[in-house]
Amino acid sequence: MSTETLYSEDEYLNGLELEREWYHEFINDGDRPWYNSIFLRMLLGDQKVTTYDDDWKVFGKQLKRWKEFRACQASTRGGADKFRAYIMALKSRLARHGFTQKYQLDNDLN
């Protein structure tokens, strides 16, 4: 549910400029926004409307979520890579010492 907010023309134009910057930052970071740039052009039309709800502010919100996802993804993938490296090193050590019994490693709990 959105609440209606009264914006001055300058606040609205500054908000649009930020949305435009966030849109391009999002694209340059390798993802696709929920809406394409036509949405921005619709917002940047000739209408001088000063009362909007905040639902039009989509790119900043999505960019924030994208960055949180990327940070989580990087953390998770880094952990998985380290665990895989550990498994390979362990198998190599066991083979060098002639260990032939069957074994199974538990999943990485991190």
PDB file of N, CA and C in Angstrom:
ATOM      1  N   MET A   1       0.848  -1.175   0.000  1.00  0.00           N
ATOM      2  CA  MET A   1       0.000   0.000   0.000  1.00  0.00           C
ATOM      3  C   MET A   1       0.890   1.233   0.000  1.00  0.00           C
ATOM      4  N   SER A   2       0.631   2.148  -0.875  1.00  0.00           N
ATOM      5  CA  SER A   2       1.468   3.329  -0.969  1.00  0.00           C
ATOM      6  C   SER A   2       0.785   4.505  -0.288  1.00  0.00           C
ATOM      7  N   THR A   3       1.606   5.422   0.142  1.00  0.00           N
ATOM      8  CA  THR A   3       1.063   6.638   0.724  1.00  0.00           C
ATOM      9  C   THR A   3       1.395   7.784  -0.217  1.00  0.00           C
ATOM     10  N   GLU A   4       0.489   8.710  -0.339  1.00  0.00           N
ATOM     11  CA  GLU A   4       0.687   9.817  -1.256  1.00  0.00           C
ATOM     12  C   GLU A   4       1.613  10.840  -0.621  1.00  0.00           C
ATOM     13  N   THR A   5       2.557  11.330  -1.391  1.00  0.00           N
ATOM     14  CA  THR A   5       3.533  12.285  -0.907  1.00  0.00           C
ATOM     15  C   THR A   5       3.531  13.488  -1.826  1.00  0.00           C
ATOM     16  N   LEU A   6       3.602  14.667  -1.276  1.00  0.00           N
ATOM     17  CA  LEU A   6       3.674  15.880  -2.069  1.00  0.00           C
ATOM     18  C   LEU A   6       5.135  16.244  -2.288  1.00  0.00           C
ATOM     19  N   TYR A   7       5.527  16.348  -3.538  1.00  0.00           N
ATOM     20  CA  TYR A   7       6.899  16.701  -3.876  1.00  0.00           C
ATOM     21  C   TYR A   7       6.921  18.080  -4.508  1.00  0.00           C
ATOM     22  N   SER A   8       7.942  18.845  -4.178  1.00  0.00           N
ATOM     23  CA  SER A   8       8.155  20.068  -4.943  1.00  0.00           C
ATOM     24  C   SER A   8       8.673  19.642  -6.310  1.00  0.00           C
ATOM     25  N   GLU A   9       8.624  20.535  -7.273  1.00  0.00           N
ATOM     26  CA  GLU A   9       9.102  20.192  -8.605  1.00  0.00           C
ATOM     27  C   GLU A   9      10.581  19.823  -8.569  1.00  0.00           C
ATOM     28  N   ASP A  10      11.387  20.542  -7.777  1.00  0.00           N
ATOM     29  CA  ASP A  10      12.818  20.235  -7.667  1.00  0.00           C
ATOM     30  C   ASP A  10      13.055  18.863  -7.047  1.00  0.00           C
ATOM     31  N   GLU A  11      12.303  18.527  -5.997  1.00  0.00           N
ATOM     32  CA  GLU A  11      12.450  17.216  -5.370  1.00  0.00           C
ATOM     33  C   GLU A  11      12.104  16.102  -6.349  1.00  0.00           C
ATOM     34  N   TYR A  12      11.045  16.325  -7.098  1.00  0.00           N
ATOM     35  CA  TYR A  12      10.631  15.331  -8.082  1.00  0.00           C
ATOM     36  C   TYR A  12      11.692  15.161  -9.168  1.00  0.00           C
ATOM     37  N   LEU A  13      12.200  16.261  -9.703  1.00  0.00           N
ATOM     38  CA  LEU A  13      13.220  16.192 -10.757  1.00  0.00           C
ATOM     39  C   LEU A  13      14.516  15.569 -10.234  1.00  0.00           C
ATOM     40  N   ASN A  14      14.889  15.883  -9.000  1.00  0.00           N
ATOM     41  CA  ASN A  14      16.072  15.256  -8.399  1.00  0.00           C
ATOM     42  C   ASN A  14      15.857  13.758  -8.223  1.00  0.00           C
ATOM     43  N   GLY A  15      14.649  13.379  -7.821  1.00  0.00           N
ATOM     44  CA  GLY A  15      14.324  11.963  -7.685  1.00  0.00           C
ATOM     45  C   GLY A  15      14.409  11.236  -9.012  1.00  0.00           C
ATOM     46  N   LEU A  16      13.911  11.866 -10.058  1.00  0.00           N
ATOM     47  CA  LEU A  16      13.999  11.268 -11.388  1.00  0.00           C
ATOM     48  C   LEU A  16      15.448  11.102 -11.829  1.00  0.00           C
ATOM     49  N   GLU A  17      16.264  12.098 -11.540  1.00  0.00           N
ATOM     50  CA  GLU A  17      17.679  12.013 -11.927  1.00  0.00           C
ATOM     51  C   GLU A  17      18.364  10.869 -11.181  1.00  0.00           C
ATOM     52  N   LEU A  18      18.063  10.718  -9.898  1.00  0.00           N
ATOM     53  CA  LEU A  18      18.623   9.597  -9.136  1.00  0.00           C
ATOM     54  C   LEU A  18      18.158   8.266  -9.707  1.00  0.00           C
ATOM     55  N   GLU A  19      16.881   8.156 -10.032  1.00  0.00           N
ATOM     56  CA  GLU A  19      16.373   6.922 -10.620  1.00  0.00           C
ATOM     57  C   GLU A  19      17.099   6.605 -11.924  1.00  0.00           C
ATOM     58  N   ARG A  20      17.346   7.634 -12.716  1.00  0.00           N
ATOM     59  CA  ARG A  20      18.069   7.434 -13.976  1.00  0.00           C
ATOM     60  C   ARG A  20      19.486   6.932 -13.705  1.00  0.00           C
ATOM     61  N   GLU A  21      20.184   7.513 -12.743  1.00  0.00           N
ATOM     62  CA  GLU A  21      21.548   7.077 -12.393  1.00  0.00           C
ATOM     63  C   GLU A  21      21.537   5.640 -11.883  1.00  0.00           C
ATOM     64  N   TRP A  22      20.574   5.313 -11.032  1.00  0.00           N
ATOM     65  CA  TRP A  22      20.497   3.956 -10.493  1.00  0.00           C
ATOM     66  C   TRP A  22      20.186   2.948 -11.590  1.00  0.00           C
ATOM     67  N   TYR A  23      19.341   3.351 -12.534  1.00  0.00           N
ATOM     68  CA  TYR A  23      19.031   2.478 -13.665  1.00  0.00           C
ATOM     69  C   TYR A  23      20.317   2.126 -14.415  1.00  0.00           C
ATOM     70  N   HIS A  24      21.120   3.127 -14.739  1.00  0.00           N
ATOM     71  CA  HIS A  24      22.351   2.881 -15.494  1.00  0.00           C
ATOM     72  C   HIS A  24      23.391   2.124 -14.658  1.00  0.00           C
ATOM     73  N   GLU A  25      23.468   2.406 -13.380  1.00  0.00           N
ATOM     74  CA  GLU A  25      24.381   1.658 -12.507  1.00  0.00           C
ATOM     75  C   GLU A  25      23.986   0.183 -12.478  1.00  0.00           C
ATOM     76  N   PHE A  26      22.713  -0.058 -12.424  1.00  0.00           N
ATOM     77  CA  PHE A  26      22.177  -1.415 -12.404  1.00  0.00           C
ATOM     78  C   PHE A  26      22.541  -2.153 -13.695  1.00  0.00           C
ATOM     79  N   ILE A  27      22.312  -1.516 -14.830  1.00  0.00           N
ATOM     80  CA  ILE A  27      22.649  -2.103 -16.131  1.00  0.00           C
ATOM     81  C   ILE A  27      24.154  -2.371 -16.218  1.00  0.00           C
ATOM     82  N   ASN A  28      24.957  -1.402 -15.801  1.00  0.00           N
ATOM     83  CA  ASN A  28      26.412  -1.543 -15.880  1.00  0.00           C
ATOM     84  C   ASN A  28      26.948  -2.621 -14.953  1.00  0.00           C
ATOM     85  N   ASP A  29      26.185  -2.980 -13.925  1.00  0.00           N
ATOM     86  CA  ASP A  29      26.612  -4.029 -13.003  1.00  0.00           C
ATOM     87  C   ASP A  29      26.206  -5.415 -13.495  1.00  0.00           C
ATOM     88  N   GLY A  30      25.546  -5.466 -14.647  1.00  0.00           N
ATOM     89  CA  GLY A  30      25.277  -6.753 -15.265  1.00  0.00           C
ATOM     90  C   GLY A  30      23.909  -7.349 -15.037  1.00  0.00           C
ATOM     91  N   ASP A  31      22.957  -6.581 -14.548  1.00  0.00           N
ATOM     92  CA  ASP A  31      21.629  -7.140 -14.360  1.00  0.00           C
ATOM     93  C   ASP A  31      20.622  -6.368 -15.195  1.00  0.00           C
ATOM     94  N   ARG A  32      19.409  -6.843 -15.170  1.00  0.00           N
ATOM     95  CA  ARG A  32      18.331  -6.203 -15.907  1.00  0.00           C
ATOM     96  C   ARG A  32      17.286  -5.694 -14.918  1.00  0.00           C
ATOM     97  N   PRO A  33      16.959  -4.434 -15.003  1.00  0.00           N
ATOM     98  CA  PRO A  33      15.927  -3.887 -14.106  1.00  0.00           C
ATOM     99  C   PRO A  33      14.558  -4.474 -14.402  1.00  0.00           C
ATOM    100  N   TRP A  34      13.672  -4.327 -13.439  1.00  0.00           N
ATOM    101  CA  TRP A  34      12.295  -4.787 -13.613  1.00  0.00           C
ATOM    102  C   TRP A  34      11.631  -4.074 -14.785  1.00  0.00           C
ATOM    103  N   TYR A  35      11.977  -2.806 -14.960  1.00  0.00           N
ATOM    104  CA  TYR A  35      11.393  -1.988 -16.022  1.00  0.00           C
ATOM    105  C   TYR A  35      12.517  -1.501 -16.918  1.00  0.00           C
ATOM    106  N   ASN A  36      12.203  -1.289 -18.188  1.00  0.00           N
ATOM    107  CA  ASN A  36      13.238  -0.780 -19.084  1.00  0.00           C
ATOM    108  C   ASN A  36      13.241   0.749 -19.074  1.00  0.00           C
ATOM    109  N   SER A  37      14.102   1.328 -19.876  1.00  0.00           N
ATOM    110  CA  SER A  37      14.267   2.778 -19.856  1.00  0.00           C
ATOM    111  C   SER A  37      13.040   3.523 -20.375  1.00  0.00           C
ATOM    112  N   ILE A  38      12.133   2.838 -21.036  1.00  0.00           N
ATOM    113  CA  ILE A  38      10.899   3.491 -21.480  1.00  0.00           C
ATOM    114  C   ILE A  38      10.112   3.978 -20.261  1.00  0.00           C
ATOM    115  N   PHE A  39      10.190   3.226 -19.185  1.00  0.00           N
ATOM    116  CA  PHE A  39       9.530   3.637 -17.941  1.00  0.00           C
ATOM    117  C   PHE A  39      10.063   4.995 -17.484  1.00  0.00           C
ATOM    118  N   LEU A  40      11.369   5.170 -17.556  1.00  0.00           N
ATOM    119  CA  LEU A  40      11.954   6.461 -17.191  1.00  0.00           C
ATOM    120  C   LEU A  40      11.464   7.559 -18.122  1.00  0.00           C
ATOM    121  N   ARG A  41      11.407   7.277 -19.418  1.00  0.00           N
ATOM    122  CA  ARG A  41      10.948   8.291 -20.371  1.00  0.00           C
ATOM    123  C   ARG A  41       9.491   8.667 -20.094  1.00  0.00           C
ATOM    124  N   MET A  42       8.702   7.699 -19.667  1.00  0.00           N
ATOM    125  CA  MET A  42       7.317   8.014 -19.301  1.00  0.00           C
ATOM    126  C   MET A  42       7.299   8.956 -18.105  1.00  0.00           C
ATOM    127  N   LEU A  43       8.173   8.698 -17.141  1.00  0.00           N
ATOM    128  CA  LEU A  43       8.230   9.559 -15.956  1.00  0.00           C
ATOM    129  C   LEU A  43       8.767  10.939 -16.290  1.00  0.00           C
ATOM    130  N   LEU A  44       9.644  10.993 -17.276  1.00  0.00           N
ATOM    131  CA  LEU A  44      10.267  12.253 -17.644  1.00  0.00           C
ATOM    132  C   LEU A  44       9.457  13.038 -18.672  1.00  0.00           C
ATOM    133  N   GLY A  45       8.208  12.645 -18.878  1.00  0.00           N
ATOM    134  CA  GLY A  45       7.358  13.329 -19.851  1.00  0.00           C
ATOM    135  C   GLY A  45       7.157  14.788 -19.486  1.00  0.00           C
ATOM    136  N   ASP A  46       6.388  15.458 -20.280  1.00  0.00           N
ATOM    137  CA  ASP A  46       6.170  16.901 -20.127  1.00  0.00           C
ATOM    138  C   ASP A  46       5.210  17.266 -19.004  1.00  0.00           C
ATOM    139  N   GLN A  47       4.603  16.269 -18.381  1.00  0.00           N
ATOM    140  CA  GLN A  47       3.633  16.569 -17.331  1.00  0.00           C
ATOM    141  C   GLN A  47       4.335  17.183 -16.128  1.00  0.00           C
ATOM    142  N   LYS A  48       3.744  18.228 -15.578  1.00  0.00           N
ATOM    143  CA  LYS A  48       4.283  18.842 -14.368  1.00  0.00           C
ATOM    144  C   LYS A  48       3.363  18.455 -13.214  1.00  0.00           C
ATOM    145  N   VAL A  49       3.522  17.253 -12.765  1.00  0.00           N
ATOM    146  CA  VAL A  49       2.716  16.724 -11.679  1.00  0.00           C
ATOM    147  C   VAL A  49       3.583  16.699 -10.435  1.00  0.00           C
ATOM    148  N   THR A  50       3.080  17.166  -9.327  1.00  0.00           N
ATOM    149  CA  THR A  50       3.895  17.227  -8.112  1.00  0.00           C
ATOM    150  C   THR A  50       3.399  16.286  -7.024  1.00  0.00           C
ATOM    151  N   THR A  51       2.321  15.567  -7.239  1.00  0.00           N
ATOM    152  CA  THR A  51       1.840  14.620  -6.245  1.00  0.00           C
ATOM    153  C   THR A  51       1.951  13.216  -6.817  1.00  0.00           C
ATOM    154  N   TYR A  52       2.790  12.395  -6.215  1.00  0.00           N
ATOM    155  CA  TYR A  52       2.996  11.016  -6.635  1.00  0.00           C
ATOM    156  C   TYR A  52       3.103  10.151  -5.397  1.00  0.00           C
ATOM    157  N   ASP A  53       2.729   8.907  -5.522  1.00  0.00           N
ATOM    158  CA  ASP A  53       3.082   7.988  -4.455  1.00  0.00           C
ATOM    159  C   ASP A  53       4.505   7.507  -4.748  1.00  0.00           C
ATOM    160  N   ASP A  54       5.115   6.848  -3.818  1.00  0.00           N
ATOM    161  CA  ASP A  54       6.518   6.442  -3.976  1.00  0.00           C
ATOM    162  C   ASP A  54       6.700   5.208  -4.845  1.00  0.00           C
ATOM    163  N   ASP A  55       5.632   4.665  -5.397  1.00  0.00           N
ATOM    164  CA  ASP A  55       5.748   3.449  -6.203  1.00  0.00           C
ATOM    165  C   ASP A  55       6.578   3.646  -7.468  1.00  0.00           C
ATOM    166  N   TRP A  56       6.723   4.865  -7.943  1.00  0.00           N
ATOM    167  CA  TRP A  56       7.506   5.106  -9.152  1.00  0.00           C
ATOM    168  C   TRP A  56       9.006   5.014  -8.873  1.00  0.00           C
ATOM    169  N   LYS A  57       9.405   4.989  -7.634  1.00  0.00           N
ATOM    170  CA  LYS A  57      10.832   4.901  -7.281  1.00  0.00           C
ATOM    171  C   LYS A  57      11.236   3.429  -7.254  1.00  0.00           C
ATOM    172  N   VAL A  58      11.473   2.864  -8.424  1.00  0.00           N
ATOM    173  CA  VAL A  58      11.729   1.432  -8.507  1.00  0.00           C
ATOM    174  C   VAL A  58      13.199   1.074  -8.638  1.00  0.00           C
ATOM    175  N   PHE A  59      13.982   1.877  -9.324  1.00  0.00           N
ATOM    176  CA  PHE A  59      15.346   1.473  -9.631  1.00  0.00           C
ATOM    177  C   PHE A  59      16.268   1.522  -8.421  1.00  0.00           C
ATOM    178  N   GLY A  60      16.098   2.510  -7.569  1.00  0.00           N
ATOM    179  CA  GLY A  60      16.912   2.587  -6.356  1.00  0.00           C
ATOM    180  C   GLY A  60      16.659   1.409  -5.436  1.00  0.00           C
ATOM    181  N   LYS A  61      15.385   1.042  -5.290  1.00  0.00           N
ATOM    182  CA  LYS A  61      15.028  -0.100  -4.446  1.00  0.00           C
ATOM    183  C   LYS A  61      15.592  -1.392  -5.018  1.00  0.00           C
ATOM    184  N   GLN A  62      15.459  -1.554  -6.333  1.00  0.00           N
ATOM    185  CA  GLN A  62      15.938  -2.786  -6.950  1.00  0.00           C
ATOM    186  C   GLN A  62      17.462  -2.859  -6.921  1.00  0.00           C
ATOM    187  N   LEU A  63      18.128  -1.720  -7.114  1.00  0.00           N
ATOM    188  CA  LEU A  63      19.586  -1.709  -7.064  1.00  0.00           C
ATOM    189  C   LEU A  63      20.088  -2.098  -5.681  1.00  0.00           C
ATOM    190  N   LYS A  64      19.428  -1.616  -4.642  1.00  0.00           N
ATOM    191  CA  LYS A  64      19.799  -1.979  -3.267  1.00  0.00           C
ATOM    192  C   LYS A  64      19.668  -3.487  -3.058  1.00  0.00           C
ATOM    193  N   ARG A  65      18.550  -4.059  -3.504  1.00  0.00           N
ATOM    194  CA  ARG A  65      18.357  -5.509  -3.370  1.00  0.00           C
ATOM    195  C   ARG A  65      19.379  -6.288  -4.188  1.00  0.00           C
ATOM    196  N   TRP A  66      19.698  -5.785  -5.379  1.00  0.00           N
ATOM    197  CA  TRP A  66      20.682  -6.433  -6.244  1.00  0.00           C
ATOM    198  C   TRP A  66      22.052  -6.473  -5.556  1.00  0.00           C
ATOM    199  N   LYS A  67      22.454  -5.361  -4.957  1.00  0.00           N
ATOM    200  CA  LYS A  67      23.757  -5.314  -4.276  1.00  0.00           C
ATOM    201  C   LYS A  67      23.785  -6.264  -3.083  1.00  0.00           C
ATOM    202  N   GLU A  68      22.668  -6.351  -2.351  1.00  0.00           N
ATOM    203  CA  GLU A  68      22.599  -7.292  -1.234  1.00  0.00           C
ATOM    204  C   GLU A  68      22.710  -8.728  -1.735  1.00  0.00           C
ATOM    205  N   PHE A  69      22.030  -9.028  -2.839  1.00  0.00           N
ATOM    206  CA  PHE A  69      22.104 -10.362  -3.430  1.00  0.00           C
ATOM    207  C   PHE A  69      23.515 -10.680  -3.889  1.00  0.00           C
ATOM    208  N   ARG A  70      24.171  -9.733  -4.546  1.00  0.00           N
ATOM    209  CA  ARG A  70      25.525  -9.961  -5.049  1.00  0.00           C
ATOM    210  C   ARG A  70      26.504 -10.211  -3.907  1.00  0.00           C
ATOM    211  N   ALA A  71      26.346  -9.465  -2.810  1.00  0.00           N
ATOM    212  CA  ALA A  71      27.224  -9.661  -1.654  1.00  0.00           C
ATOM    213  C   ALA A  71      27.013 -11.053  -1.061  1.00  0.00           C
ATOM    214  N   CYS A  72      25.771 -11.462  -0.938  1.00  0.00           N
ATOM    215  CA  CYS A  72      25.467 -12.800  -0.415  1.00  0.00           C
ATOM    216  C   CYS A  72      26.002 -13.871  -1.355  1.00  0.00           C
ATOM    217  N   GLN A  73      25.802 -13.664  -2.640  1.00  0.00           N
ATOM    218  CA  GLN A  73      26.263 -14.625  -3.634  1.00  0.00           C
ATOM    219  C   GLN A  73      27.785 -14.761  -3.606  1.00  0.00           C
ATOM    220  N   ALA A  74      28.485 -13.643  -3.527  1.00  0.00           N
ATOM    221  CA  ALA A  74      29.949 -13.677  -3.489  1.00  0.00           C
ATOM    222  C   ALA A  74      30.439 -14.408  -2.243  1.00  0.00           C
ATOM    223  N   SER A  75      29.779 -14.156  -1.130  1.00  0.00           N
ATOM    224  CA  SER A  75      30.163 -14.819   0.112  1.00  0.00           C
ATOM    225  C   SER A  75      29.947 -16.326   0.014  1.00  0.00           C
ATOM    226  N   THR A  76      28.804 -16.706  -0.510  1.00  0.00           N
ATOM    227  CA  THR A  76      28.473 -18.126  -0.628  1.00  0.00           C
ATOM    228  C   THR A  76      29.397 -18.831  -1.611  1.00  0.00           C
ATOM    229  N   ARG A  77      29.600 -18.216  -2.744  1.00  0.00           N
ATOM    230  CA  ARG A  77      30.455 -18.847  -3.752  1.00  0.00           C
ATOM    231  C   ARG A  77      31.897 -18.943  -3.278  1.00  0.00           C
ATOM    232  N   GLY A  78      32.360 -17.933  -2.589  1.00  0.00           N
ATOM    233  CA  GLY A  78      33.723 -17.992  -2.057  1.00  0.00           C
ATOM    234  C   GLY A  78      33.866 -19.137  -1.084  1.00  0.00           C
ATOM    235  N   GLY A  79      32.847 -19.354  -0.252  1.00  0.00           N
ATOM    236  CA  GLY A  79      32.866 -20.453   0.702  1.00  0.00           C
ATOM    237  C   GLY A  79      32.862 -21.796   0.013  1.00  0.00           C
ATOM    238  N   ALA A  80      32.056 -21.932  -1.025  1.00  0.00           N
ATOM    239  CA  ALA A  80      31.983 -23.196  -1.752  1.00  0.00           C
ATOM    240  C   ALA A  80      33.298 -23.494  -2.452  1.00  0.00           C
ATOM    241  N   ASP A  81      33.924 -22.474  -3.025  1.00  0.00           N
ATOM    242  CA  ASP A  81      35.212 -22.671  -3.696  1.00  0.00           C
ATOM    243  C   ASP A  81      36.282 -23.125  -2.707  1.00  0.00           C
ATOM    244  N   LYS A  82      36.278 -22.525  -1.535  1.00  0.00           N
ATOM    245  CA  LYS A  82      37.255 -22.912  -0.518  1.00  0.00           C
ATOM    246  C   LYS A  82      37.030 -24.358  -0.077  1.00  0.00           C
ATOM    247  N   PHE A  83      35.768 -24.740   0.084  1.00  0.00           N
ATOM    248  CA  PHE A  83      35.465 -26.098   0.509  1.00  0.00           C
ATOM    249  C   PHE A  83      35.866 -27.102  -0.568  1.00  0.00           C
ATOM    250  N   ARG A  84      35.589 -26.769  -1.840  1.00  0.00           N
ATOM    251  CA  ARG A  84      36.011 -27.652  -2.936  1.00  0.00           C
ATOM    252  C   ARG A  84      37.531 -27.813  -2.955  1.00  0.00           C
ATOM    253  N   ALA A  85      38.246 -26.717  -2.751  1.00  0.00           N
ATOM    254  CA  ALA A  85      39.713 -26.781  -2.722  1.00  0.00           C
ATOM    255  C   ALA A  85      40.173 -27.672  -1.566  1.00  0.00           C
ATOM    256  N   TYR A  86      39.503 -27.546  -0.427  1.00  0.00           N
ATOM    257  CA  TYR A  86      39.833 -28.374   0.731  1.00  0.00           C
ATOM    258  C   TYR A  86      39.619 -29.856   0.407  1.00  0.00           C
ATOM    259  N   ILE A  87      38.502 -30.186  -0.233  1.00  0.00           N
ATOM    260  CA  ILE A  87      38.202 -31.576  -0.586  1.00  0.00           C
ATOM    261  C   ILE A  87      39.264 -32.138  -1.528  1.00  0.00           C
ATOM    262  N   MET A  88      39.627 -31.363  -2.533  1.00  0.00           N
ATOM    263  CA  MET A  88      40.636 -31.829  -3.489  1.00  0.00           C
ATOM    264  C   MET A  88      41.980 -32.058  -2.806  1.00  0.00           C
ATOM    265  N   ALA A  89      42.369 -31.138  -1.933  1.00  0.00           N
ATOM    266  CA  ALA A  89      43.634 -31.288  -1.212  1.00  0.00           C
ATOM    267  C   ALA A  89      43.591 -32.504  -0.298  1.00  0.00           C
ATOM    268  N   LEU A  90      42.469 -32.712   0.368  1.00  0.00           N
ATOM    269  CA  LEU A  90      42.318 -33.863   1.259  1.00  0.00           C
ATOM    270  C   LEU A  90      42.418 -35.173   0.478  1.00  0.00           C
ATOM    271  N   LYS A  91      41.712 -35.260  -0.646  1.00  0.00           N
ATOM    272  CA  LYS A  91      41.773 -36.471  -1.470  1.00  0.00           C
ATOM    273  C   LYS A  91      43.196 -36.743  -1.938  1.00  0.00           C
ATOM    274  N   SER A  92      43.896 -35.709  -2.306  1.00  0.00           N
ATOM    275  CA  SER A  92      45.278 -35.855  -2.771  1.00  0.00           C
ATOM    276  C   SER A  92      46.177 -36.383  -1.647  1.00  0.00           C
ATOM    277  N   ARG A  93      46.036 -35.813  -0.454  1.00  0.00           N
ATOM    278  CA  ARG A  93      46.839 -36.270   0.697  1.00  0.00           C
ATOM    279  C   ARG A  93      46.537 -37.721   1.040  1.00  0.00           C
ATOM    280  N   LEU A  94      45.245 -38.057   1.054  1.00  0.00           N
ATOM    281  CA  LEU A  94      44.867 -39.434   1.381  1.00  0.00           C
ATOM    282  C   LEU A  94      45.430 -40.410   0.347  1.00  0.00           C
ATOM    283  N   ALA A  95      45.369 -40.051  -0.916  1.00  0.00           N
ATOM    284  CA  ALA A  95      45.899 -40.926  -1.973  1.00  0.00           C
ATOM    285  C   ALA A  95      47.412 -41.084  -1.847  1.00  0.00           C
ATOM    286  N   ARG A  96      48.120 -40.004  -1.526  1.00  0.00           N
ATOM    287  CA  ARG A  96      49.583 -40.078  -1.356  1.00  0.00           C
ATOM    288  C   ARG A  96      49.975 -41.027  -0.235  1.00  0.00           C
ATOM    289  N   HIS A  97      49.132 -41.132   0.768  1.00  0.00           N
ATOM    290  CA  HIS A  97      49.436 -41.988   1.919  1.00  0.00           C
ATOM    291  C   HIS A  97      48.784 -43.363   1.815  1.00  0.00           C
ATOM    292  N   GLY A  98      48.227 -43.659   0.642  1.00  0.00           N
ATOM    293  CA  GLY A  98      47.686 -44.986   0.405  1.00  0.00           C
ATOM    294  C   GLY A  98      46.367 -45.267   1.095  1.00  0.00           C
ATOM    295  N   PHE A  99      45.624 -44.264   1.461  1.00  0.00           N
ATOM    296  CA  PHE A  99      44.338 -44.463   2.105  1.00  0.00           C
ATOM    297  C   PHE A  99      43.342 -44.966   1.067  1.00  0.00           C
ATOM    298  N   THR A 100      42.777 -46.158   1.276  1.00  0.00           N
ATOM    299  CA  THR A 100      41.899 -46.762   0.276  1.00  0.00           C
ATOM    300  C   THR A 100      40.486 -47.024   0.779  1.00  0.00           C
ATOM    301  N   GLN A 101      40.248 -46.766   2.067  1.00  0.00           N
ATOM    302  CA  GLN A 101      38.897 -47.003   2.596  1.00  0.00           C
ATOM    303  C   GLN A 101      37.912 -45.988   2.009  1.00  0.00           C
ATOM    304  N   LYS A 102      36.672 -46.437   1.909  1.00  0.00           N
ATOM    305  CA  LYS A 102      35.632 -45.552   1.411  1.00  0.00           C
ATOM    306  C   LYS A 102      35.317 -44.504   2.484  1.00  0.00           C
ATOM    307  N   TYR A 103      35.114 -43.280   2.065  1.00  0.00           N
ATOM    308  CA  TYR A 103      34.764 -42.215   3.005  1.00  0.00           C
ATOM    309  C   TYR A 103      33.801 -41.232   2.339  1.00  0.00           C
ATOM    310  N   GLN A 104      33.098 -40.483   3.157  1.00  0.00           N
ATOM    311  CA  GLN A 104      32.174 -39.458   2.675  1.00  0.00           C
ATOM    312  C   GLN A 104      32.304 -38.244   3.572  1.00  0.00           C
ATOM    313  N   LEU A 105      32.495 -37.105   2.960  1.00  0.00           N
ATOM    314  CA  LEU A 105      32.599 -35.858   3.713  1.00  0.00           C
ATOM    315  C   LEU A 105      31.219 -35.252   3.906  1.00  0.00           C
ATOM    316  N   ASP A 106      31.022 -34.656   5.071  1.00  0.00           N
ATOM    317  CA  ASP A 106      29.776 -33.917   5.301  1.00  0.00           C
ATOM    318  C   ASP A 106      29.823 -32.620   4.506  1.00  0.00           C
ATOM    319  N   ASN A 107      28.651 -32.076   4.232  1.00  0.00           N
ATOM    320  CA  ASN A 107      28.590 -30.774   3.557  1.00  0.00           C
ATOM    321  C   ASN A 107      29.203 -29.704   4.440  1.00  0.00           C
ATOM    322  N   ASP A 108      29.741 -28.696   3.793  1.00  0.00           N
ATOM    323  CA  ASP A 108      30.257 -27.545   4.508  1.00  0.00           C
ATOM    324  C   ASP A 108      29.099 -26.856   5.222  1.00  0.00           C
ATOM    325  N   LEU A 109      29.228 -26.626   6.493  1.00  0.00           N
ATOM    326  CA  LEU A 109      28.141 -26.029   7.275  1.00  0.00           C
ATOM    327  C   LEU A 109      28.175 -24.526   7.280  1.00  0.00           C
ATOM    328  N   ASN A 110      29.161 -23.919   6.677  1.00  0.00           N
ATOM    329  CA  ASN A 110      29.227 -22.444   6.637  1.00  0.00           C
ATOM    330  C   ASN A 110      28.349 -21.876   5.593  1.00  0.00           C
TER     331      ASN A 110
END
